[in-house]
Structure formats: C-alpha cells, structure tokens
Amino acid sequence: MKTVFIGSCVALVTPFKNDKVDYESLGRLIDFQLANRTDAIVVLGTTGEPSTLSEEEKESIITFAKSKINGKVPLIVGTGSNSTKKTILDSKRAESLGADALLIVTPYYNKCTQIGLIEHYTKICESVSIPVIVYNVPSRTGVNVLPETAQKLSEIPNICGIKEANGSINQIMRTCSLLRGKMAVYSGEDSLNYVFMTLGASGCISVTANVFPREVNEVVHKSLKKEYDEARRLQEKLDEINKDMFIEVNPIPVKYACEVMNLCENSVRLPLTKLEKENEEILKKAMFEFYN
C-alpha cells in the first residue's frame, strides 16, 4: 500500500507576533510535536493560514520547518490552490525546498467536475516526484472527491493518500473500502478519528494535535494495534475538545488553545478574528476538565 506516514500528523498552526511569522514560537511548536510522538507534520495546510501568507513567508516557513524537523518525521507542505498552474509552481518550489510530501486540497470556488479533479491531480503529479496526499474537504471547497474518483486517483504513481473530511460516514466507508491495499486514507475530522481507524484508515491529519498531540497519537496507534476499547475510551475523552476546536472556524479556536498552552500568541490574520470571549470560556473549560 502506498503511504506517506502511518499514525498521527499535525496540521500545524502558523504563529504570528506583531503580524509577522513568529519563528521562535514555530520552533517551540515543532519541538512540542516531536516530543509527543507525532508521526508527521503539515505546514501551510488550512490550519496554517496559507491564504494570508506571502510567497516569501511560505518559503521561509518551509525552510525553517525542514531544518528544525531535521528528518525526524516527514515534512508535508500544503500547496493546493484553485489554479492548476499555480499549484504546480508552488508544489515544485516546496519540493526544491525539501518537502517530503505535498498535501493538495481540491480546487476551490471553481467547482470543477470529477474529470477535472483527475486531470488537475494528474498534471500536478507529472510535475513533481515526491508523494502527494489529496485533501477532500467539500465544506470549504464546494468540491467533493467521490470514492470512485479517489480510486482512479490512486492509480497515479505518486498519489499516496487522501485526507478525507467530507463528513459522510457512508462515503468514508466506501472510500476506505475502494482504497484498501492501494493507498492510505487519513482522517481529516478529529471527531471521527476512531471511526476512520476502525474502517482501515492509516492515520489522521489533526487540528486537535496542535495541543493534544500525544493523546491523538494514542487513539491512532492503539487502533492500529487493535486495542479498540482503549482507543475508544481516549477518543471519547477527547470528544468535547474535538467539538470545541471547531466552535468557530478553524484555526481561530486552536490558536486560542495554543496560547492557553503557552505555545504561541493567540494571533490570526484578517479576515479571521480572535475567538469570541464566550467561546474562550467554553474551550478553556473543556481543556481544564480534560486534564482534571
């Protein structure tokens, strides 16, 4: 089976200070992940606010992360856009800067067909030699990778996985079934990590792992070892956290949670705004109760 990693991967936030990328905090975030068993790290995914970053900032983040991780786990870089040509340029740049793999979201806004999706990913994969993970998140993009399309995409040599966040259990089951033994399926919804694993997924790409990396990792690895009762218990313990991490649009809540954990400032770039005060109390309460 083709795969980039097996286990838990964090979709890392991009820390800001005075509206500039905070590299001291970025280093602290990466160290925190490495110390808590994370199996791979994504930078410039949705949680990393890439749409608000300049090209120079993106290059610097990739270069910094590559050096800091130093080969300990795979560095996966988000390079997706709604332009095939731009995605190719960004993907080639990420590869040249040392990315181990790419996470490429489906084209958003354009609303291409399933044939368009296949041609989009085919062209991109012809332009790079490193592995590619398809990212399916219809709630953000307006495009849904159907299970049969995912099966066709698995035939492309360097497509090695799909991050699935479509929200439909029926579709998730069908995708896992069609891709079994071909390429990895990764949970893209923290609330469903355990469900994905029981269906044969290879791991998850997680927002919650920014602040609870060890616990997310344990859910995945206990499931992989078929210790389902313990995995389910941990998933249930994380349930309130997973829900509250999306009490407002990602990454607004997780940035607040990172500040609570003294990992980075609670700072996002417009048009995102800080977590509402009443939601701060809800998320902080869930985090406090988790540890107590």
C-alpha atoms as a PDB file:
ATOM      1  CA  MET A   1       0.000   0.000   0.000  1.00  0.00           C
ATOM      2  CA  LYS A   2       1.232   3.491  -0.856  1.00  0.00           C
ATOM      3  CA  THR A   3       1.568   5.805   2.147  1.00  0.00           C
ATOM      4  CA  VAL A   4       3.494   8.863   3.333  1.00  0.00           C
ATOM      5  CA  PHE A   5       3.187   8.045   7.035  1.00  0.00           C
ATOM      6  CA  ILE A   6       1.252   5.777   9.366  1.00  0.00           C
ATOM      7  CA  GLY A   7      -0.073   7.306  12.573  1.00  0.00           C
ATOM      8  CA  SER A   8      -0.931  10.867  13.559  1.00  0.00           C
ATOM      9  CA  CYS A   9       0.060  14.025  11.731  1.00  0.00           C
ATOM     10  CA  VAL A  10      -0.497  17.559  12.974  1.00  0.00           C
ATOM     11  CA  ALA A  11      -1.872  20.278  10.720  1.00  0.00           C
ATOM     12  CA  LEU A  12       0.350  22.904  12.304  1.00  0.00           C
ATOM     13  CA  VAL A  13      -0.720  26.480  13.015  1.00  0.00           C
ATOM     14  CA  THR A  14       1.420  29.352  11.779  1.00  0.00           C
ATOM     15  CA  PRO A  15       2.277  31.512  14.812  1.00  0.00           C
ATOM     16  CA  PHE A  16       2.264  35.288  14.419  1.00  0.00           C
ATOM     17  CA  LYS A  17       3.642  38.099  16.549  1.00  0.00           C
ATOM     18  CA  ASN A  18       3.106  41.737  15.611  1.00  0.00           C
ATOM     19  CA  ASP A  19       1.598  40.396  12.365  1.00  0.00           C
ATOM     20  CA  LYS A  20       4.876  38.699  11.403  1.00  0.00           C
ATOM     21  CA  VAL A  21       5.653  34.982  11.394  1.00  0.00           C
ATOM     22  CA  ASP A  22       6.959  34.134  14.872  1.00  0.00           C
ATOM     23  CA  TYR A  23       9.793  31.697  14.212  1.00  0.00           C
ATOM     24  CA  GLU A  24      10.695  31.313  17.890  1.00  0.00           C
ATOM     25  CA  SER A  25       7.178  30.019  18.556  1.00  0.00           C
ATOM     26  CA  LEU A  26       7.215  27.947  15.391  1.00  0.00           C
ATOM     27  CA  GLY A  27      10.312  26.182  16.680  1.00  0.00           C
ATOM     28  CA  ARG A  28       8.624  25.622  20.032  1.00  0.00           C
ATOM     29  CA  LEU A  29       5.543  24.173  18.322  1.00  0.00           C
ATOM     30  CA  ILE A  30       7.650  21.762  16.271  1.00  0.00           C
ATOM     31  CA  ASP A  31       9.661  20.685  19.329  1.00  0.00           C
ATOM     32  CA  PHE A  32       6.388  20.068  21.190  1.00  0.00           C
ATOM     33  CA  GLN A  33       5.160  17.822  18.386  1.00  0.00           C
ATOM     34  CA  LEU A  34       8.402  15.864  18.135  1.00  0.00           C
ATOM     35  CA  ALA A  35       8.467  15.333  21.897  1.00  0.00           C
ATOM     36  CA  ASN A  36       4.913  13.976  21.876  1.00  0.00           C
ATOM     37  CA  ARG A  37       5.166  11.235  19.244  1.00  0.00           C
ATOM     38  CA  THR A  38       3.659  13.000  16.233  1.00  0.00           C
ATOM     39  CA  ASP A  39       4.431  10.904  13.146  1.00  0.00           C
ATOM     40  CA  ALA A  40       4.388  13.710  10.545  1.00  0.00           C
ATOM     41  CA  ILE A  41       3.977  17.486  10.377  1.00  0.00           C
ATOM     42  CA  VAL A  42       1.997  19.541   7.857  1.00  0.00           C
ATOM     43  CA  VAL A  43       2.869  23.198   7.365  1.00  0.00           C
ATOM     44  CA  LEU A  44       0.840  25.578   5.200  1.00  0.00           C
ATOM     45  CA  GLY A  45      -2.293  23.474   5.450  1.00  0.00           C
ATOM     46  CA  THR A  46      -5.634  25.163   6.109  1.00  0.00           C
ATOM     47  CA  THR A  47      -4.769  25.462   9.814  1.00  0.00           C
ATOM     48  CA  GLY A  48      -1.582  27.304   8.846  1.00  0.00           C
ATOM     49  CA  GLU A  49      -3.476  30.184   7.164  1.00  0.00           C
ATOM     50  CA  PRO A  50      -1.559  29.977   3.864  1.00  0.00           C
ATOM     51  CA  SER A  51      -4.001  32.240   2.035  1.00  0.00           C
ATOM     52  CA  THR A  52      -2.808  35.148   4.202  1.00  0.00           C
ATOM     53  CA  LEU A  53       0.909  34.433   3.763  1.00  0.00           C
ATOM     54  CA  SER A  54       3.208  35.988   1.180  1.00  0.00           C
ATOM     55  CA  GLU A  55       5.261  33.769  -1.111  1.00  0.00           C
ATOM     56  CA  GLU A  56       8.395  34.825   0.766  1.00  0.00           C
ATOM     57  CA  GLU A  57       6.828  33.849   4.096  1.00  0.00           C
ATOM     58  CA  LYS A  58       5.809  30.454   2.741  1.00  0.00           C
ATOM     59  CA  GLU A  59       9.339  29.750   1.523  1.00  0.00           C
ATOM     60  CA  SER A  60      10.803  30.792   4.875  1.00  0.00           C
ATOM     61  CA  ILE A  61       8.361  28.604   6.816  1.00  0.00           C
ATOM     62  CA  ILE A  62       9.189  25.545   4.684  1.00  0.00           C
ATOM     63  CA  THR A  63      12.928  26.157   5.024  1.00  0.00           C
ATOM     64  CA  PHE A  64      12.692  26.707   8.780  1.00  0.00           C
ATOM     65  CA  ALA A  65      10.500  23.651   9.357  1.00  0.00           C
ATOM     66  CA  LYS A  66      12.754  21.447   7.222  1.00  0.00           C
ATOM     67  CA  SER A  67      15.799  22.451   9.265  1.00  0.00           C
ATOM     68  CA  LYS A  68      14.028  22.164  12.624  1.00  0.00           C
ATOM     69  CA  ILE A  69      12.478  18.758  11.935  1.00  0.00           C
ATOM     70  CA  ASN A  70      15.829  17.559  10.585  1.00  0.00           C
ATOM     71  CA  GLY A  71      14.468  14.330   9.114  1.00  0.00           C
ATOM     72  CA  LYS A  72      12.899  13.088  12.363  1.00  0.00           C
ATOM     73  CA  VAL A  73       9.434  12.862  10.761  1.00  0.00           C
ATOM     74  CA  PRO A  74       8.111  13.623   7.265  1.00  0.00           C
ATOM     75  CA  LEU A  75       7.556  17.293   6.443  1.00  0.00           C
ATOM     76  CA  ILE A  76       4.369  17.652   4.407  1.00  0.00           C
ATOM     77  CA  VAL A  77       3.645  21.005   2.747  1.00  0.00           C
ATOM     78  CA  GLY A  78       0.243  22.302   1.711  1.00  0.00           C
ATOM     79  CA  THR A  79       0.410  23.634  -1.841  1.00  0.00           C
ATOM     80  CA  GLY A  80      -3.171  23.462  -3.115  1.00  0.00           C
ATOM     81  CA  SER A  81      -4.993  26.287  -4.879  1.00  0.00           C
ATOM     82  CA  ASN A  82      -7.825  26.699  -7.372  1.00  0.00           C
ATOM     83  CA  SER A  83      -5.337  27.113 -10.223  1.00  0.00           C
ATOM     84  CA  THR A  84      -3.572  24.052 -11.573  1.00  0.00           C
ATOM     85  CA  LYS A  85      -0.674  26.158 -12.852  1.00  0.00           C
ATOM     86  CA  LYS A  86      -0.175  27.902  -9.502  1.00  0.00           C
ATOM     87  CA  THR A  87      -0.402  24.601  -7.626  1.00  0.00           C
ATOM     88  CA  ILE A  88       2.292  23.172  -9.893  1.00  0.00           C
ATOM     89  CA  LEU A  89       4.566  26.159  -9.264  1.00  0.00           C
ATOM     90  CA  ASP A  90       4.031  26.001  -5.502  1.00  0.00           C
ATOM     91  CA  SER A  91       4.495  22.230  -5.454  1.00  0.00           C
ATOM     92  CA  LYS A  92       7.756  22.381  -7.390  1.00  0.00           C
ATOM     93  CA  ARG A  93       9.018  25.098  -5.053  1.00  0.00           C
ATOM     94  CA  ALA A  94       8.095  23.055  -1.964  1.00  0.00           C
ATOM     95  CA  GLU A  95       9.876  20.030  -3.420  1.00  0.00           C
ATOM     96  CA  SER A  96      13.000  22.108  -4.136  1.00  0.00           C
ATOM     97  CA  LEU A  97      12.968  23.374  -0.531  1.00  0.00           C
ATOM     98  CA  GLY A  98      12.977  19.855   0.862  1.00  0.00           C
ATOM     99  CA  ALA A  99       9.340  18.875   1.384  1.00  0.00           C
ATOM    100  CA  ASP A 100       8.962  15.121   1.836  1.00  0.00           C
ATOM    101  CA  ALA A 101       5.386  15.152   0.536  1.00  0.00           C
ATOM    102  CA  LEU A 102       2.604  17.512  -0.519  1.00  0.00           C
ATOM    103  CA  LEU A 103      -0.931  17.974   0.801  1.00  0.00           C
ATOM    104  CA  ILE A 104      -3.048  19.313  -2.059  1.00  0.00           C
ATOM    105  CA  VAL A 105      -6.604  20.426  -1.430  1.00  0.00           C
ATOM    106  CA  THR A 106      -9.147  20.132  -4.216  1.00  0.00           C
ATOM    107  CA  PRO A 107      -9.578  23.290  -6.324  1.00  0.00           C
ATOM    108  CA  TYR A 108     -11.983  25.601  -4.512  1.00  0.00           C
ATOM    109  CA  TYR A 109     -14.507  28.120  -5.883  1.00  0.00           C
ATOM    110  CA  ASN A 110     -14.158  26.910  -9.486  1.00  0.00           C
ATOM    111  CA  LYS A 111     -16.278  23.804  -8.737  1.00  0.00           C
ATOM    112  CA  CYS A 112     -14.643  21.528 -11.295  1.00  0.00           C
ATOM    113  CA  THR A 113     -16.080  18.145 -12.316  1.00  0.00           C
ATOM    114  CA  GLN A 114     -14.743  14.749 -11.242  1.00  0.00           C
ATOM    115  CA  ILE A 115     -12.942  14.576 -14.591  1.00  0.00           C
ATOM    116  CA  GLY A 116     -11.451  17.975 -13.821  1.00  0.00           C
ATOM    117  CA  LEU A 117     -10.190  16.673 -10.487  1.00  0.00           C
ATOM    118  CA  ILE A 118      -8.461  13.738 -12.142  1.00  0.00           C
ATOM    119  CA  GLU A 119      -6.813  15.966 -14.754  1.00  0.00           C
ATOM    120  CA  HIS A 120      -5.827  18.524 -12.094  1.00  0.00           C
ATOM    121  CA  TYR A 121      -4.014  15.970  -9.931  1.00  0.00           C
ATOM    122  CA  THR A 122      -2.542  14.176 -12.939  1.00  0.00           C
ATOM    123  CA  LYS A 123      -0.889  17.380 -14.202  1.00  0.00           C
ATOM    124  CA  ILE A 124       0.443  18.224 -10.740  1.00  0.00           C
ATOM    125  CA  CYS A 125       1.859  14.751 -10.162  1.00  0.00           C
ATOM    126  CA  GLU A 126       3.607  14.830 -13.527  1.00  0.00           C
ATOM    127  CA  SER A 127       5.456  17.960 -12.373  1.00  0.00           C
ATOM    128  CA  VAL A 128       6.876  16.614  -9.073  1.00  0.00           C
ATOM    129  CA  SER A 129       8.500  13.392  -7.922  1.00  0.00           C
ATOM    130  CA  ILE A 130       7.565  13.429  -4.229  1.00  0.00           C
ATOM    131  CA  PRO A 131       4.380  11.846  -2.800  1.00  0.00           C
ATOM    132  CA  VAL A 132       1.062  13.702  -2.924  1.00  0.00           C
ATOM    133  CA  ILE A 133      -1.864  13.472  -0.496  1.00  0.00           C
ATOM    134  CA  VAL A 134      -5.225  14.560  -1.884  1.00  0.00           C
ATOM    135  CA  TYR A 135      -7.273  16.674   0.535  1.00  0.00           C
ATOM    136  CA  ASN A 136     -11.054  16.387   0.277  1.00  0.00           C
ATOM    137  CA  VAL A 137     -12.959  18.982   2.333  1.00  0.00           C
ATOM    138  CA  PRO A 138     -16.183  19.883   0.477  1.00  0.00           C
ATOM    139  CA  SER A 139     -17.440  22.213   3.227  1.00  0.00           C
ATOM    140  CA  ARG A 140     -14.607  24.612   2.354  1.00  0.00           C
ATOM    141  CA  THR A 141     -14.083  23.974  -1.333  1.00  0.00           C
ATOM    142  CA  GLY A 142     -17.506  23.158  -2.782  1.00  0.00           C
ATOM    143  CA  VAL A 143     -15.966  20.106  -4.489  1.00  0.00           C
ATOM    144  CA  ASN A 144     -16.295  16.507  -3.311  1.00  0.00           C
ATOM    145  CA  VAL A 145     -13.899  13.721  -4.329  1.00  0.00           C
ATOM    146  CA  LEU A 146     -16.245  10.795  -4.855  1.00  0.00           C
ATOM    147  CA  PRO A 147     -14.994   7.339  -3.796  1.00  0.00           C
ATOM    148  CA  GLU A 148     -14.748   6.142  -7.393  1.00  0.00           C
ATOM    149  CA  THR A 149     -12.701   9.233  -8.254  1.00  0.00           C
ATOM    150  CA  ALA A 150     -10.391   8.561  -5.314  1.00  0.00           C
ATOM    151  CA  GLN A 151      -9.947   5.036  -6.643  1.00  0.00           C
ATOM    152  CA  LYS A 152      -8.902   6.406 -10.053  1.00  0.00           C
ATOM    153  CA  LEU A 153      -6.550   8.889  -8.406  1.00  0.00           C
ATOM    154  CA  SER A 154      -4.887   6.020  -6.552  1.00  0.00           C
ATOM    155  CA  GLU A 155      -3.640   4.761  -9.929  1.00  0.00           C
ATOM    156  CA  ILE A 156      -1.406   7.841 -10.254  1.00  0.00           C
ATOM    157  CA  PRO A 157       2.011   6.604  -9.043  1.00  0.00           C
ATOM    158  CA  ASN A 158       2.895   9.381  -6.607  1.00  0.00           C
ATOM    159  CA  ILE A 159      -0.565   9.919  -5.108  1.00  0.00           C
ATOM    160  CA  CYS A 160      -0.055   8.114  -1.824  1.00  0.00           C
ATOM    161  CA  GLY A 161      -3.083   9.052   0.250  1.00  0.00           C
ATOM    162  CA  ILE A 162      -6.239  11.052   0.746  1.00  0.00           C
ATOM    163  CA  LYS A 163      -7.123  13.241   3.704  1.00  0.00           C
ATOM    164  CA  GLU A 164     -10.860  12.743   3.927  1.00  0.00           C
ATOM    165  CA  ALA A 165     -13.066  15.388   5.569  1.00  0.00           C
ATOM    166  CA  ASN A 166     -16.352  15.086   3.730  1.00  0.00           C
ATOM    167  CA  GLY A 167     -18.456  14.364   6.817  1.00  0.00           C
ATOM    168  CA  SER A 168     -20.432  11.458   5.330  1.00  0.00           C
ATOM    169  CA  ILE A 169     -19.920   8.137   7.104  1.00  0.00           C
ATOM    170  CA  ASN A 170     -21.332   6.294   4.093  1.00  0.00           C
ATOM    171  CA  GLN A 171     -18.823   7.950   1.758  1.00  0.00           C
ATOM    172  CA  ILE A 172     -15.955   7.398   4.188  1.00  0.00           C
ATOM    173  CA  MET A 173     -16.807   3.689   4.368  1.00  0.00           C
ATOM    174  CA  ARG A 174     -16.975   3.435   0.572  1.00  0.00           C
ATOM    175  CA  THR A 175     -13.675   5.285   0.107  1.00  0.00           C
ATOM    176  CA  CYS A 176     -11.896   3.130   2.692  1.00  0.00           C
ATOM    177  CA  SER A 177     -13.253   0.009   1.018  1.00  0.00           C
ATOM    178  CA  LEU A 178     -12.206   1.005  -2.508  1.00  0.00           C
ATOM    179  CA  LEU A 179      -8.733   2.174  -1.453  1.00  0.00           C
ATOM    180  CA  ARG A 180      -7.902  -0.714   0.884  1.00  0.00           C
ATOM    181  CA  GLY A 181      -4.481  -2.090  -0.024  1.00  0.00           C
ATOM    182  CA  LYS A 182      -3.947   0.655  -2.635  1.00  0.00           C
ATOM    183  CA  MET A 183      -3.151   3.857  -0.727  1.00  0.00           C
ATOM    184  CA  ALA A 184      -3.599   5.439   2.683  1.00  0.00           C
ATOM    185  CA  VAL A 185      -6.791   7.062   3.895  1.00  0.00           C
ATOM    186  CA  TYR A 186      -6.307   9.695   6.601  1.00  0.00           C
ATOM    187  CA  SER A 187      -8.998  11.088   8.860  1.00  0.00           C
ATOM    188  CA  GLY A 188      -9.434  14.802   8.345  1.00  0.00           C
ATOM    189  CA  GLU A 189     -12.030  15.142  11.097  1.00  0.00           C
ATOM    190  CA  ASP A 190     -10.810  14.823  14.666  1.00  0.00           C
ATOM    191  CA  SER A 191     -14.232  13.819  15.951  1.00  0.00           C
ATOM    192  CA  LEU A 192     -14.135  10.779  13.637  1.00  0.00           C
ATOM    193  CA  ASN A 193     -10.530   9.624  14.112  1.00  0.00           C
ATOM    194  CA  TYR A 194     -11.533   6.440  15.907  1.00  0.00           C
ATOM    195  CA  VAL A 195     -14.252   5.672  13.352  1.00  0.00           C
ATOM    196  CA  PHE A 196     -11.777   6.086  10.496  1.00  0.00           C
ATOM    197  CA  MET A 197      -9.319   3.752  12.173  1.00  0.00           C
ATOM    198  CA  THR A 198     -11.915   1.003  12.640  1.00  0.00           C
ATOM    199  CA  LEU A 199     -12.635   1.259   8.910  1.00  0.00           C
ATOM    200  CA  GLY A 200      -8.997   0.681   7.991  1.00  0.00           C
ATOM    201  CA  ALA A 201      -7.522   4.181   7.811  1.00  0.00           C
ATOM    202  CA  SER A 202      -3.751   4.598   8.181  1.00  0.00           C
ATOM    203  CA  GLY A 203      -3.954   7.597  10.492  1.00  0.00           C
ATOM    204  CA  CYS A 204      -5.154  11.163  10.792  1.00  0.00           C
ATOM    205  CA  ILE A 205      -4.154  14.717   9.929  1.00  0.00           C
ATOM    206  CA  SER A 206      -5.292  16.569  13.005  1.00  0.00           C
ATOM    207  CA  VAL A 207      -6.068  20.071  14.253  1.00  0.00           C
ATOM    208  CA  THR A 208      -6.518  18.933  17.859  1.00  0.00           C
ATOM    209  CA  ALA A 209      -2.980  17.507  17.781  1.00  0.00           C
ATOM    210  CA  ASN A 210      -1.624  21.066  17.932  1.00  0.00           C
ATOM    211  CA  VAL A 211      -2.375  20.988  21.668  1.00  0.00           C
ATOM    212  CA  PHE A 212      -3.042  17.291  22.414  1.00  0.00           C
ATOM    213  CA  PRO A 213      -0.528  15.502  20.151  1.00  0.00           C
ATOM    214  CA  ARG A 214       0.210  12.554  22.431  1.00  0.00           C
ATOM    215  CA  GLU A 215      -3.463  11.782  23.039  1.00  0.00           C
ATOM    216  CA  VAL A 216      -4.365  11.944  19.342  1.00  0.00           C
ATOM    217  CA  ASN A 217      -1.387   9.735  18.571  1.00  0.00           C
ATOM    218  CA  GLU A 218      -2.510   7.179  21.123  1.00  0.00           C
ATOM    219  CA  VAL A 219      -6.007   6.920  19.637  1.00  0.00           C
ATOM    220  CA  VAL A 220      -4.472   6.111  16.267  1.00  0.00           C
ATOM    221  CA  HIS A 221      -1.750   3.726  17.398  1.00  0.00           C
ATOM    222  CA  LYS A 222      -3.939   1.810  19.829  1.00  0.00           C
ATOM    223  CA  SER A 223      -6.412   1.359  16.977  1.00  0.00           C
ATOM    224  CA  LEU A 224      -3.623   0.146  14.702  1.00  0.00           C
ATOM    225  CA  LYS A 225      -2.738  -2.416  17.374  1.00  0.00           C
ATOM    226  CA  LYS A 226      -6.448  -3.354  17.545  1.00  0.00           C
ATOM    227  CA  GLU A 227      -6.686  -2.151  21.141  1.00  0.00           C
ATOM    228  CA  TYR A 228     -10.084  -0.749  20.261  1.00  0.00           C
ATOM    229  CA  ASP A 229     -11.556  -0.461  23.757  1.00  0.00           C
ATOM    230  CA  GLU A 230      -8.698   1.740  24.948  1.00  0.00           C
ATOM    231  CA  ALA A 231      -8.666   3.733  21.705  1.00  0.00           C
ATOM    232  CA  ARG A 232     -12.394   4.366  22.016  1.00  0.00           C
ATOM    233  CA  ARG A 233     -12.003   5.467  25.624  1.00  0.00           C
ATOM    234  CA  LEU A 234      -9.358   8.024  24.619  1.00  0.00           C
ATOM    235  CA  GLN A 235     -11.461   9.223  21.691  1.00  0.00           C
ATOM    236  CA  GLU A 236     -14.438   9.724  23.994  1.00  0.00           C
ATOM    237  CA  LYS A 237     -12.257  11.659  26.434  1.00  0.00           C
ATOM    238  CA  LEU A 238     -11.236  13.966  23.565  1.00  0.00           C
ATOM    239  CA  ASP A 239     -14.802  14.359  22.323  1.00  0.00           C
ATOM    240  CA  GLU A 240     -15.550  17.728  23.945  1.00  0.00           C
ATOM    241  CA  ILE A 241     -12.135  19.105  22.952  1.00  0.00           C
ATOM    242  CA  ASN A 242     -12.603  18.000  19.336  1.00  0.00           C
ATOM    243  CA  LYS A 243     -16.027  19.658  19.234  1.00  0.00           C
ATOM    244  CA  ASP A 244     -14.861  22.923  20.778  1.00  0.00           C
ATOM    245  CA  MET A 245     -11.824  23.148  18.484  1.00  0.00           C
ATOM    246  CA  PHE A 246     -14.394  23.955  15.803  1.00  0.00           C
ATOM    247  CA  ILE A 247     -16.691  26.164  17.864  1.00  0.00           C
ATOM    248  CA  GLU A 248     -15.649  28.847  15.370  1.00  0.00           C
ATOM    249  CA  VAL A 249     -13.959  28.363  12.020  1.00  0.00           C
ATOM    250  CA  ASN A 250     -10.522  26.706  12.128  1.00  0.00           C
ATOM    251  CA  PRO A 251      -7.871  27.878  13.084  1.00  0.00           C
ATOM    252  CA  ILE A 252      -9.489  30.503  15.341  1.00  0.00           C
ATOM    253  CA  PRO A 253     -10.131  28.160  18.320  1.00  0.00           C
ATOM    254  CA  VAL A 254      -6.864  26.239  18.077  1.00  0.00           C
ATOM    255  CA  LYS A 255      -4.861  29.463  18.060  1.00  0.00           C
ATOM    256  CA  TYR A 256      -6.517  30.390  21.359  1.00  0.00           C
ATOM    257  CA  ALA A 257      -5.826  26.901  22.720  1.00  0.00           C
ATOM    258  CA  CYS A 258      -2.153  27.221  21.742  1.00  0.00           C
ATOM    259  CA  GLU A 259      -1.924  30.419  23.764  1.00  0.00           C
ATOM    260  CA  VAL A 260      -3.507  28.692  26.771  1.00  0.00           C
ATOM    261  CA  MET A 261      -0.757  26.059  26.430  1.00  0.00           C
ATOM    262  CA  ASN A 262       1.945  28.789  26.157  1.00  0.00           C
ATOM    263  CA  LEU A 263       2.914  27.561  22.708  1.00  0.00           C
ATOM    264  CA  CYS A 264       2.303  30.784  20.758  1.00  0.00           C
ATOM    265  CA  GLU A 265       0.288  34.001  20.787  1.00  0.00           C
ATOM    266  CA  ASN A 266      -3.415  33.981  20.025  1.00  0.00           C
ATOM    267  CA  SER A 267      -2.978  35.891  16.782  1.00  0.00           C
ATOM    268  CA  VAL A 268      -4.656  35.313  13.408  1.00  0.00           C
ATOM    269  CA  ARG A 269      -4.621  37.366  10.224  1.00  0.00           C
ATOM    270  CA  LEU A 270      -7.648  39.100   8.780  1.00  0.00           C
ATOM    271  CA  PRO A 271     -10.216  38.249   7.646  1.00  0.00           C
ATOM    272  CA  LEU A 272     -10.005  35.828  10.588  1.00  0.00           C
ATOM    273  CA  THR A 273     -10.540  37.340  14.028  1.00  0.00           C
ATOM    274  CA  LYS A 274      -9.841  36.142  17.566  1.00  0.00           C
ATOM    275  CA  LEU A 275     -12.161  33.729  19.343  1.00  0.00           C
ATOM    276  CA  GLU A 276     -15.238  35.350  20.880  1.00  0.00           C
ATOM    277  CA  LYS A 277     -14.988  35.772  24.667  1.00  0.00           C
ATOM    278  CA  GLU A 278     -17.872  33.430  25.448  1.00  0.00           C
ATOM    279  CA  ASN A 279     -16.259  30.756  23.286  1.00  0.00           C
ATOM    280  CA  GLU A 280     -12.916  31.282  25.018  1.00  0.00           C
ATOM    281  CA  GLU A 281     -14.565  30.250  28.266  1.00  0.00           C
ATOM    282  CA  ILE A 282     -16.124  27.164  26.685  1.00  0.00           C
ATOM    283  CA  LEU A 283     -12.844  25.972  25.159  1.00  0.00           C
ATOM    284  CA  LYS A 284     -10.777  26.760  28.256  1.00  0.00           C
ATOM    285  CA  LYS A 285     -13.275  24.848  30.419  1.00  0.00           C
ATOM    286  CA  ALA A 286     -13.017  21.789  28.140  1.00  0.00           C
ATOM    287  CA  MET A 287      -9.225  21.906  28.268  1.00  0.00           C
ATOM    288  CA  PHE A 288      -9.200  22.259  32.063  1.00  0.00           C
ATOM    289  CA  GLU A 289     -11.633  19.365  32.508  1.00  0.00           C
ATOM    290  CA  PHE A 290      -9.556  17.176  30.193  1.00  0.00           C
ATOM    291  CA  TYR A 291      -6.533  17.496  32.452  1.00  0.00           C
ATOM    292  CA  ASN A 292      -8.528  17.091  35.624  1.00  0.00           C
END
